[in-house]
Amino acid sequence: MTLKELQDLIDRMYSDKDRARGSAATYLWFMEEVGELAAALREGTHQEKSHEFADVLAWLVTLANVERVDLTEAMAKYTEGCPGCGQMVCRCDEKP
């Protein structure tokens, strides 16, 4: 599944509910899922981690849809290398 296909799928499944909820409430749901991922990373099984990664990604896509951001277009800046240093293998001094 491509990023666009995922974004379209999430939009078809949830768009009416998501847009009615709005960005602020959707962001809070997203952050709750990030917290659940953090807990799974700390002490969860592989299956629990996988589930939480999927939830975080779905809620990030949901938030992008609410804001009408095309994630494929947004990620295009990474196709030519690191946005910081321009290299395909990051050489930025600030970030290890």
PDB file of N, CA and C in Angstrom:
ATOM      1  N   MET A   1       0.844  -1.175   0.000  1.00  0.00           N
ATOM      2  CA  MET A   1       0.000   0.000   0.000  1.00  0.00           C
ATOM      3  C   MET A   1       0.888   1.237   0.000  1.00  0.00           C
ATOM      4  N   THR A   2       0.610   2.169  -0.871  1.00  0.00           N
ATOM      5  CA  THR A   2       1.362   3.420  -0.897  1.00  0.00           C
ATOM      6  C   THR A   2       0.824   4.375   0.163  1.00  0.00           C
ATOM      7  N   LEU A   3       1.569   5.417   0.416  1.00  0.00           N
ATOM      8  CA  LEU A   3       1.122   6.439   1.356  1.00  0.00           C
ATOM      9  C   LEU A   3      -0.182   7.074   0.871  1.00  0.00           C
ATOM     10  N   LYS A   4      -0.280   7.339  -0.430  1.00  0.00           N
ATOM     11  CA  LYS A   4      -1.513   7.911  -0.983  1.00  0.00           C
ATOM     12  C   LYS A   4      -2.682   6.960  -0.811  1.00  0.00           C
ATOM     13  N   GLU A   5      -2.468   5.673  -1.055  1.00  0.00           N
ATOM     14  CA  GLU A   5      -3.535   4.695  -0.877  1.00  0.00           C
ATOM     15  C   GLU A   5      -3.993   4.643   0.582  1.00  0.00           C
ATOM     16  N   LEU A   6      -3.046   4.704   1.497  1.00  0.00           N
ATOM     17  CA  LEU A   6      -3.393   4.723   2.919  1.00  0.00           C
ATOM     18  C   LEU A   6      -4.186   5.976   3.252  1.00  0.00           C
ATOM     19  N   GLN A   7      -3.729   7.113   2.766  1.00  0.00           N
ATOM     20  CA  GLN A   7      -4.418   8.370   3.058  1.00  0.00           C
ATOM     21  C   GLN A   7      -5.838   8.356   2.476  1.00  0.00           C
ATOM     22  N   ASP A   8      -5.995   7.821   1.279  1.00  0.00           N
ATOM     23  CA  ASP A   8      -7.324   7.724   0.664  1.00  0.00           C
ATOM     24  C   ASP A   8      -8.219   6.755   1.440  1.00  0.00           C
ATOM     25  N   LEU A   9      -7.663   5.628   1.879  1.00  0.00           N
ATOM     26  CA  LEU A   9      -8.425   4.646   2.646  1.00  0.00           C
ATOM     27  C   LEU A   9      -8.936   5.242   3.952  1.00  0.00           C
ATOM     28  N   ILE A  10      -8.048   5.881   4.691  1.00  0.00           N
ATOM     29  CA  ILE A  10      -8.435   6.506   5.962  1.00  0.00           C
ATOM     30  C   ILE A  10      -9.477   7.587   5.714  1.00  0.00           C
ATOM     31  N   ASP A  11      -9.309   8.345   4.648  1.00  0.00           N
ATOM     32  CA  ASP A  11     -10.272   9.395   4.314  1.00  0.00           C
ATOM     33  C   ASP A  11     -11.653   8.794   4.034  1.00  0.00           C
ATOM     34  N   ARG A  12     -11.705   7.720   3.246  1.00  0.00           N
ATOM     35  CA  ARG A  12     -12.991   7.067   2.944  1.00  0.00           C
ATOM     36  C   ARG A  12     -13.641   6.511   4.212  1.00  0.00           C
ATOM     37  N   MET A  13     -12.834   5.952   5.079  1.00  0.00           N
ATOM     38  CA  MET A  13     -13.374   5.305   6.271  1.00  0.00           C
ATOM     39  C   MET A  13     -13.873   6.304   7.319  1.00  0.00           C
ATOM     40  N   TYR A  14     -13.157   7.414   7.478  1.00  0.00           N
ATOM     41  CA  TYR A  14     -13.403   8.250   8.650  1.00  0.00           C
ATOM     42  C   TYR A  14     -13.598   9.745   8.385  1.00  0.00           C
ATOM     43  N   SER A  15     -13.562  10.196   7.148  1.00  0.00           N
ATOM     44  CA  SER A  15     -13.463  11.636   6.895  1.00  0.00           C
ATOM     45  C   SER A  15     -14.582  12.466   7.513  1.00  0.00           C
ATOM     46  N   ASP A  16     -15.827  12.025   7.428  1.00  0.00           N
ATOM     47  CA  ASP A  16     -16.922  12.829   7.983  1.00  0.00           C
ATOM     48  C   ASP A  16     -16.751  13.022   9.481  1.00  0.00           C
ATOM     49  N   LYS A  17     -16.468  11.928  10.171  1.00  0.00           N
ATOM     50  CA  LYS A  17     -16.288  11.985  11.620  1.00  0.00           C
ATOM     51  C   LYS A  17     -15.059  12.822  11.990  1.00  0.00           C
ATOM     52  N   ASP A  18     -13.969  12.630  11.240  1.00  0.00           N
ATOM     53  CA  ASP A  18     -12.712  13.322  11.550  1.00  0.00           C
ATOM     54  C   ASP A  18     -12.825  14.824  11.362  1.00  0.00           C
ATOM     55  N   ARG A  19     -13.411  15.241  10.265  1.00  0.00           N
ATOM     56  CA  ARG A  19     -13.527  16.685  10.012  1.00  0.00           C
ATOM     57  C   ARG A  19     -14.484  17.345  11.001  1.00  0.00           C
ATOM     58  N   ALA A  20     -15.514  16.621  11.417  1.00  0.00           N
ATOM     59  CA  ALA A  20     -16.431  17.159  12.428  1.00  0.00           C
ATOM     60  C   ALA A  20     -15.721  17.323  13.768  1.00  0.00           C
ATOM     61  N   ARG A  21     -14.804  16.395  14.081  1.00  0.00           N
ATOM     62  CA  ARG A  21     -14.045  16.471  15.327  1.00  0.00           C
ATOM     63  C   ARG A  21     -13.091  17.656  15.322  1.00  0.00           C
ATOM     64  N   GLY A  22     -12.474  17.916  14.163  1.00  0.00           N
ATOM     65  CA  GLY A  22     -11.545  19.033  14.029  1.00  0.00           C
ATOM     66  C   GLY A  22     -10.116  18.667  14.375  1.00  0.00           C
ATOM     67  N   SER A  23      -9.228  19.580  14.063  1.00  0.00           N
ATOM     68  CA  SER A  23      -7.793  19.349  14.226  1.00  0.00           C
ATOM     69  C   SER A  23      -7.360  19.195  15.679  1.00  0.00           C
ATOM     70  N   ALA A  24      -7.852  20.048  16.547  1.00  0.00           N
ATOM     71  CA  ALA A  24      -7.387  20.029  17.939  1.00  0.00           C
ATOM     72  C   ALA A  24      -7.727  18.695  18.611  1.00  0.00           C
ATOM     73  N   ALA A  25      -8.966  18.245  18.476  1.00  0.00           N
ATOM     74  CA  ALA A  25      -9.368  16.981  19.102  1.00  0.00           C
ATOM     75  C   ALA A  25      -8.680  15.794  18.427  1.00  0.00           C
ATOM     76  N   THR A  26      -8.494  15.871  17.123  1.00  0.00           N
ATOM     77  CA  THR A  26      -7.808  14.795  16.404  1.00  0.00           C
ATOM     78  C   THR A  26      -6.354  14.716  16.856  1.00  0.00           C
ATOM     79  N   TYR A  27      -5.729  15.855  17.067  1.00  0.00           N
ATOM     80  CA  TYR A  27      -4.357  15.878  17.566  1.00  0.00           C
ATOM     81  C   TYR A  27      -4.269  15.211  18.941  1.00  0.00           C
ATOM     82  N   LEU A  28      -5.236  15.458  19.794  1.00  0.00           N
ATOM     83  CA  LEU A  28      -5.227  14.829  21.118  1.00  0.00           C
ATOM     84  C   LEU A  28      -5.354  13.310  21.009  1.00  0.00           C
ATOM     85  N   TRP A  29      -6.188  12.805  20.096  1.00  0.00           N
ATOM     86  CA  TRP A  29      -6.284  11.363  19.868  1.00  0.00           C
ATOM     87  C   TRP A  29      -4.942  10.829  19.382  1.00  0.00           C
ATOM     88  N   PHE A  30      -4.312  11.562  18.459  1.00  0.00           N
ATOM     89  CA  PHE A  30      -3.009  11.160  17.936  1.00  0.00           C
ATOM     90  C   PHE A  30      -1.996  11.053  19.077  1.00  0.00           C
ATOM     91  N   MET A  31      -1.960  12.055  19.937  1.00  0.00           N
ATOM     92  CA  MET A  31      -1.002  12.051  21.038  1.00  0.00           C
ATOM     93  C   MET A  31      -1.287  10.919  22.030  1.00  0.00           C
ATOM     94  N   GLU A  32      -2.545  10.582  22.235  1.00  0.00           N
ATOM     95  CA  GLU A  32      -2.872   9.445  23.094  1.00  0.00           C
ATOM     96  C   GLU A  32      -2.290   8.160  22.510  1.00  0.00           C
ATOM     97  N   GLU A  33      -2.398   8.014  21.192  1.00  0.00           N
ATOM     98  CA  GLU A  33      -1.832   6.829  20.537  1.00  0.00           C
ATOM     99  C   GLU A  33      -0.305   6.821  20.632  1.00  0.00           C
ATOM    100  N   VAL A  34       0.325   7.983  20.545  1.00  0.00           N
ATOM    101  CA  VAL A  34       1.781   8.056  20.708  1.00  0.00           C
ATOM    102  C   VAL A  34       2.162   7.590  22.111  1.00  0.00           C
ATOM    103  N   GLY A  35       1.380   7.966  23.107  1.00  0.00           N
ATOM    104  CA  GLY A  35       1.622   7.501  24.473  1.00  0.00           C
ATOM    105  C   GLY A  35       1.486   5.990  24.601  1.00  0.00           C
ATOM    106  N   GLU A  36       0.487   5.432  23.923  1.00  0.00           N
ATOM    107  CA  GLU A  36       0.318   3.977  23.948  1.00  0.00           C
ATOM    108  C   GLU A  36       1.487   3.285  23.252  1.00  0.00           C
ATOM    109  N   LEU A  37       2.000   3.895  22.184  1.00  0.00           N
ATOM    110  CA  LEU A  37       3.181   3.342  21.514  1.00  0.00           C
ATOM    111  C   LEU A  37       4.383   3.383  22.450  1.00  0.00           C
ATOM    112  N   ALA A  38       4.540   4.481  23.165  1.00  0.00           N
ATOM    113  CA  ALA A  38       5.662   4.594  24.103  1.00  0.00           C
ATOM    114  C   ALA A  38       5.607   3.481  25.140  1.00  0.00           C
ATOM    115  N   ALA A  39       4.426   3.205  25.648  1.00  0.00           N
ATOM    116  CA  ALA A  39       4.278   2.131  26.642  1.00  0.00           C
ATOM    117  C   ALA A  39       4.598   0.774  26.020  1.00  0.00           C
ATOM    118  N   ALA A  40       4.134   0.544  24.800  1.00  0.00           N
ATOM    119  CA  ALA A  40       4.416  -0.730  24.126  1.00  0.00           C
ATOM    120  C   ALA A  40       5.907  -0.892  23.848  1.00  0.00           C
ATOM    121  N   LEU A  41       6.572   0.192  23.465  1.00  0.00           N
ATOM    122  CA  LEU A  41       8.011   0.121  23.221  1.00  0.00           C
ATOM    123  C   LEU A  41       8.769  -0.223  24.495  1.00  0.00           C
ATOM    124  N   ARG A  42       8.279   0.270  25.607  1.00  0.00           N
ATOM    125  CA  ARG A  42       8.951   0.038  26.884  1.00  0.00           C
ATOM    126  C   ARG A  42       8.797  -1.407  27.342  1.00  0.00           C
ATOM    127  N   GLU A  43       7.592  -1.984  27.200  1.00  0.00           N
ATOM    128  CA  GLU A  43       7.407  -3.316  27.776  1.00  0.00           C
ATOM    129  C   GLU A  43       6.426  -4.197  27.009  1.00  0.00           C
ATOM    130  N   GLY A  44       6.070  -3.827  25.797  1.00  0.00           N
ATOM    131  CA  GLY A  44       5.101  -4.606  25.044  1.00  0.00           C
ATOM    132  C   GLY A  44       5.717  -5.724  24.221  1.00  0.00           C
ATOM    133  N   THR A  45       4.838  -6.596  23.767  1.00  0.00           N
ATOM    134  CA  THR A  45       5.247  -7.660  22.865  1.00  0.00           C
ATOM    135  C   THR A  45       5.423  -7.084  21.458  1.00  0.00           C
ATOM    136  N   HIS A  46       5.999  -7.881  20.584  1.00  0.00           N
ATOM    137  CA  HIS A  46       6.146  -7.445  19.193  1.00  0.00           C
ATOM    138  C   HIS A  46       4.773  -7.137  18.583  1.00  0.00           C
ATOM    139  N   GLN A  47       3.795  -7.975  18.869  1.00  0.00           N
ATOM    140  CA  GLN A  47       2.442  -7.772  18.354  1.00  0.00           C
ATOM    141  C   GLN A  47       1.840  -6.469  18.877  1.00  0.00           C
ATOM    142  N   GLU A  48       2.031  -6.164  20.140  1.00  0.00           N
ATOM    143  CA  GLU A  48       1.518  -4.913  20.721  1.00  0.00           C
ATOM    144  C   GLU A  48       2.204  -3.702  20.089  1.00  0.00           C
ATOM    145  N   LYS A  49       3.510  -3.800  19.888  1.00  0.00           N
ATOM    146  CA  LYS A  49       4.238  -2.702  19.236  1.00  0.00           C
ATOM    147  C   LYS A  49       3.725  -2.486  17.822  1.00  0.00           C
ATOM    148  N   SER A  50       3.550  -3.564  17.086  1.00  0.00           N
ATOM    149  CA  SER A  50       3.053  -3.477  15.721  1.00  0.00           C
ATOM    150  C   SER A  50       1.688  -2.805  15.682  1.00  0.00           C
ATOM    151  N   HIS A  51       0.808  -3.204  16.586  1.00  0.00           N
ATOM    152  CA  HIS A  51      -0.533  -2.617  16.673  1.00  0.00           C
ATOM    153  C   HIS A  51      -0.456  -1.115  16.949  1.00  0.00           C
ATOM    154  N   GLU A  52       0.378  -0.726  17.882  1.00  0.00           N
ATOM    155  CA  GLU A  52       0.471   0.694  18.240  1.00  0.00           C
ATOM    156  C   GLU A  52       1.125   1.525  17.144  1.00  0.00           C
ATOM    157  N   PHE A  53       2.128   0.969  16.449  1.00  0.00           N
ATOM    158  CA  PHE A  53       2.690   1.689  15.302  1.00  0.00           C
ATOM    159  C   PHE A  53       1.609   1.952  14.265  1.00  0.00           C
ATOM    160  N   ALA A  54       0.769   0.943  13.998  1.00  0.00           N
ATOM    161  CA  ALA A  54      -0.310   1.111  13.029  1.00  0.00           C
ATOM    162  C   ALA A  54      -1.292   2.186  13.484  1.00  0.00           C
ATOM    163  N   ASP A  55      -1.637   2.189  14.764  1.00  0.00           N
ATOM    164  CA  ASP A  55      -2.563   3.202  15.277  1.00  0.00           C
ATOM    165  C   ASP A  55      -1.984   4.609  15.156  1.00  0.00           C
ATOM    166  N   VAL A  56      -0.703   4.760  15.495  1.00  0.00           N
ATOM    167  CA  VAL A  56      -0.062   6.082  15.396  1.00  0.00           C
ATOM    168  C   VAL A  56      -0.061   6.556  13.945  1.00  0.00           C
ATOM    169  N   LEU A  57       0.301   5.666  13.031  1.00  0.00           N
ATOM    170  CA  LEU A  57       0.317   6.046  11.623  1.00  0.00           C
ATOM    171  C   LEU A  57      -1.087   6.425  11.143  1.00  0.00           C
ATOM    172  N   ALA A  58      -2.090   5.648  11.526  1.00  0.00           N
ATOM    173  CA  ALA A  58      -3.464   5.943  11.118  1.00  0.00           C
ATOM    174  C   ALA A  58      -3.921   7.295  11.638  1.00  0.00           C
ATOM    175  N   TRP A  59      -3.594   7.605  12.873  1.00  0.00           N
ATOM    176  CA  TRP A  59      -4.009   8.899  13.425  1.00  0.00           C
ATOM    177  C   TRP A  59      -3.214  10.060  12.831  1.00  0.00           C
ATOM    178  N   LEU A  60      -1.953   9.844  12.489  1.00  0.00           N
ATOM    179  CA  LEU A  60      -1.186  10.883  11.795  1.00  0.00           C
ATOM    180  C   LEU A  60      -1.802  11.161  10.429  1.00  0.00           C
ATOM    181  N   VAL A  61      -2.160  10.112   9.717  1.00  0.00           N
ATOM    182  CA  VAL A  61      -2.814  10.266   8.419  1.00  0.00           C
ATOM    183  C   VAL A  61      -4.157  10.966   8.587  1.00  0.00           C
ATOM    184  N   THR A  62      -4.895  10.595   9.616  1.00  0.00           N
ATOM    185  CA  THR A  62      -6.172  11.242   9.897  1.00  0.00           C
ATOM    186  C   THR A  62      -5.988  12.744  10.095  1.00  0.00           C
ATOM    187  N   LEU A  63      -4.995  13.118  10.885  1.00  0.00           N
ATOM    188  CA  LEU A  63      -4.737  14.538  11.127  1.00  0.00           C
ATOM    189  C   LEU A  63      -4.359  15.257   9.838  1.00  0.00           C
ATOM    190  N   ALA A  64      -3.546  14.626   9.015  1.00  0.00           N
ATOM    191  CA  ALA A  64      -3.197  15.219   7.719  1.00  0.00           C
ATOM    192  C   ALA A  64      -4.446  15.399   6.859  1.00  0.00           C
ATOM    193  N   ASN A  65      -5.330  14.415   6.865  1.00  0.00           N
ATOM    194  CA  ASN A  65      -6.562  14.535   6.092  1.00  0.00           C
ATOM    195  C   ASN A  65      -7.435  15.681   6.584  1.00  0.00           C
ATOM    196  N   VAL A  66      -7.570  15.810   7.900  1.00  0.00           N
ATOM    197  CA  VAL A  66      -8.367  16.904   8.458  1.00  0.00           C
ATOM    198  C   VAL A  66      -7.794  18.247   8.007  1.00  0.00           C
ATOM    199  N   GLU A  67      -6.478  18.338   7.967  1.00  0.00           N
ATOM    200  CA  GLU A  67      -5.810  19.580   7.552  1.00  0.00           C
ATOM    201  C   GLU A  67      -5.636  19.689   6.030  1.00  0.00           C
ATOM    202  N   ARG A  68      -6.104  18.652   5.315  1.00  0.00           N
ATOM    203  CA  ARG A  68      -6.019  18.601   3.849  1.00  0.00           C
ATOM    204  C   ARG A  68      -4.564  18.706   3.355  1.00  0.00           C
ATOM    205  N   VAL A  69      -3.697  17.965   4.031  1.00  0.00           N
ATOM    206  CA  VAL A  69      -2.286  17.877   3.648  1.00  0.00           C
ATOM    207  C   VAL A  69      -2.067  16.566   2.912  1.00  0.00           C
ATOM    208  N   ASP A  70      -1.534  16.642   1.702  1.00  0.00           N
ATOM    209  CA  ASP A  70      -1.180  15.458   0.919  1.00  0.00           C
ATOM    210  C   ASP A  70       0.179  14.983   1.422  1.00  0.00           C
ATOM    211  N   LEU A  71       0.202  13.849   2.111  1.00  0.00           N
ATOM    212  CA  LEU A  71       1.444  13.379   2.717  1.00  0.00           C
ATOM    213  C   LEU A  71       2.483  12.958   1.687  1.00  0.00           C
ATOM    214  N   THR A  72       2.040  12.445   0.548  1.00  0.00           N
ATOM    215  CA  THR A  72       2.995  12.091  -0.504  1.00  0.00           C
ATOM    216  C   THR A  72       3.715  13.340  -0.979  1.00  0.00           C
ATOM    217  N   GLU A  73       2.974  14.397  -1.175  1.00  0.00           N
ATOM    218  CA  GLU A  73       3.567  15.673  -1.585  1.00  0.00           C
ATOM    219  C   GLU A  73       4.457  16.236  -0.471  1.00  0.00           C
ATOM    220  N   ALA A  74       3.986  16.143   0.761  1.00  0.00           N
ATOM    221  CA  ALA A  74       4.762  16.665   1.887  1.00  0.00           C
ATOM    222  C   ALA A  74       6.095  15.933   2.046  1.00  0.00           C
ATOM    223  N   MET A  75       6.093  14.633   1.791  1.00  0.00           N
ATOM    224  CA  MET A  75       7.306  13.834   1.958  1.00  0.00           C
ATOM    225  C   MET A  75       8.269  13.946   0.777  1.00  0.00           C
ATOM    226  N   ALA A  76       7.848  14.596  -0.287  1.00  0.00           N
ATOM    227  CA  ALA A  76       8.692  14.709  -1.483  1.00  0.00           C
ATOM    228  C   ALA A  76      10.036  15.366  -1.178  1.00  0.00           C
ATOM    229  N   LYS A  77      10.083  16.215  -0.173  1.00  0.00           N
ATOM    230  CA  LYS A  77      11.344  16.887   0.155  1.00  0.00           C
ATOM    231  C   LYS A  77      12.426  15.900   0.589  1.00  0.00           C
ATOM    232  N   TYR A  78      12.037  14.695   0.987  1.00  0.00           N
ATOM    233  CA  TYR A  78      13.009  13.691   1.409  1.00  0.00           C
ATOM    234  C   TYR A  78      13.543  12.845   0.258  1.00  0.00           C
ATOM    235  N   THR A  79      12.976  12.975  -0.936  1.00  0.00           N
ATOM    236  CA  THR A  79      13.400  12.133  -2.057  1.00  0.00           C
ATOM    237  C   THR A  79      14.750  12.547  -2.620  1.00  0.00           C
ATOM    238  N   GLU A  80      15.197  13.734  -2.314  1.00  0.00           N
ATOM    239  CA  GLU A  80      16.480  14.221  -2.831  1.00  0.00           C
ATOM    240  C   GLU A  80      17.558  14.274  -1.758  1.00  0.00           C
ATOM    241  N   GLY A  81      17.260  13.686  -0.608  1.00  0.00           N
ATOM    242  CA  GLY A  81      18.230  13.658   0.476  1.00  0.00           C
ATOM    243  C   GLY A  81      17.717  14.345   1.721  1.00  0.00           C
ATOM    244  N   CYS A  82      18.570  14.388   2.702  1.00  0.00           N
ATOM    245  CA  CYS A  82      18.246  15.013   3.976  1.00  0.00           C
ATOM    246  C   CYS A  82      17.912  16.486   3.765  1.00  0.00           C
ATOM    247  N   PRO A  83      16.785  16.966   4.292  1.00  0.00           N
ATOM    248  CA  PRO A  83      16.461  18.386   4.140  1.00  0.00           C
ATOM    249  C   PRO A  83      17.491  19.312   4.793  1.00  0.00           C
ATOM    250  N   GLY A  84      18.241  18.795   5.762  1.00  0.00           N
ATOM    251  CA  GLY A  84      19.244  19.615   6.441  1.00  0.00           C
ATOM    252  C   GLY A  84      20.542  19.760   5.674  1.00  0.00           C
ATOM    253  N   CYS A  85      21.092  18.628   5.235  1.00  0.00           N
ATOM    254  CA  CYS A  85      22.412  18.668   4.587  1.00  0.00           C
ATOM    255  C   CYS A  85      22.364  18.331   3.098  1.00  0.00           C
ATOM    256  N   GLY A  86      21.224  17.821   2.628  1.00  0.00           N
ATOM    257  CA  GLY A  86      21.086  17.503   1.219  1.00  0.00           C
ATOM    258  C   GLY A  86      21.686  16.175   0.800  1.00  0.00           C
ATOM    259  N   GLN A  87      22.269  15.427   1.722  1.00  0.00           N
ATOM    260  CA  GLN A  87      22.906  14.152   1.406  1.00  0.00           C
ATOM    261  C   GLN A  87      21.905  12.997   1.561  1.00  0.00           C
ATOM    262  N   MET A  88      22.090  11.931   0.757  1.00  0.00           N
ATOM    263  CA  MET A  88      21.219  10.766   0.885  1.00  0.00           C
ATOM    264  C   MET A  88      21.483  10.013   2.190  1.00  0.00           C
ATOM    265  N   VAL A  89      22.689  10.060   2.695  1.00  0.00           N
ATOM    266  CA  VAL A  89      23.002   9.566   4.037  1.00  0.00           C
ATOM    267  C   VAL A  89      23.326  10.811   4.853  1.00  0.00           C
ATOM    268  N   CYS A  90      22.474  11.109   5.814  1.00  0.00           N
ATOM    269  CA  CYS A  90      22.565  12.360   6.566  1.00  0.00           C
ATOM    270  C   CYS A  90      23.961  12.569   7.150  1.00  0.00           C
ATOM    271  N   ARG A  91      24.465  13.770   6.945  1.00  0.00           N
ATOM    272  CA  ARG A  91      25.758  14.169   7.499  1.00  0.00           C
ATOM    273  C   ARG A  91      25.620  15.384   8.430  1.00  0.00           C
ATOM    274  N   CYS A  92      24.400  15.685   8.842  1.00  0.00           N
ATOM    275  CA  CYS A  92      24.175  16.837   9.718  1.00  0.00           C
ATOM    276  C   CYS A  92      24.956  16.687  11.013  1.00  0.00           C
ATOM    277  N   ASP A  93      25.651  17.720  11.412  1.00  0.00           N
ATOM    278  CA  ASP A  93      26.426  17.690  12.649  1.00  0.00           C
ATOM    279  C   ASP A  93      25.543  17.755  13.888  1.00  0.00           C
ATOM    280  N   GLU A  94      24.400  18.440  13.791  1.00  0.00           N
ATOM    281  CA  GLU A  94      23.554  18.672  14.961  1.00  0.00           C
ATOM    282  C   GLU A  94      22.836  17.413  15.417  1.00  0.00           C
ATOM    283  N   LYS A  95      22.576  16.474  14.503  1.00  0.00           N
ATOM    284  CA  LYS A  95      21.770  15.305  14.846  1.00  0.00           C
ATOM    285  C   LYS A  95      22.561  14.035  14.605  1.00  0.00           C
ATOM    286  N   PRO A  96      22.706  13.225  15.646  1.00  0.00           N
ATOM    287  CA  PRO A  96      23.444  11.951  15.474  1.00  0.00           C
ATOM    288  C   PRO A  96      22.651  10.953  14.647  1.00  0.00           C
TER     289      PRO A  96
END
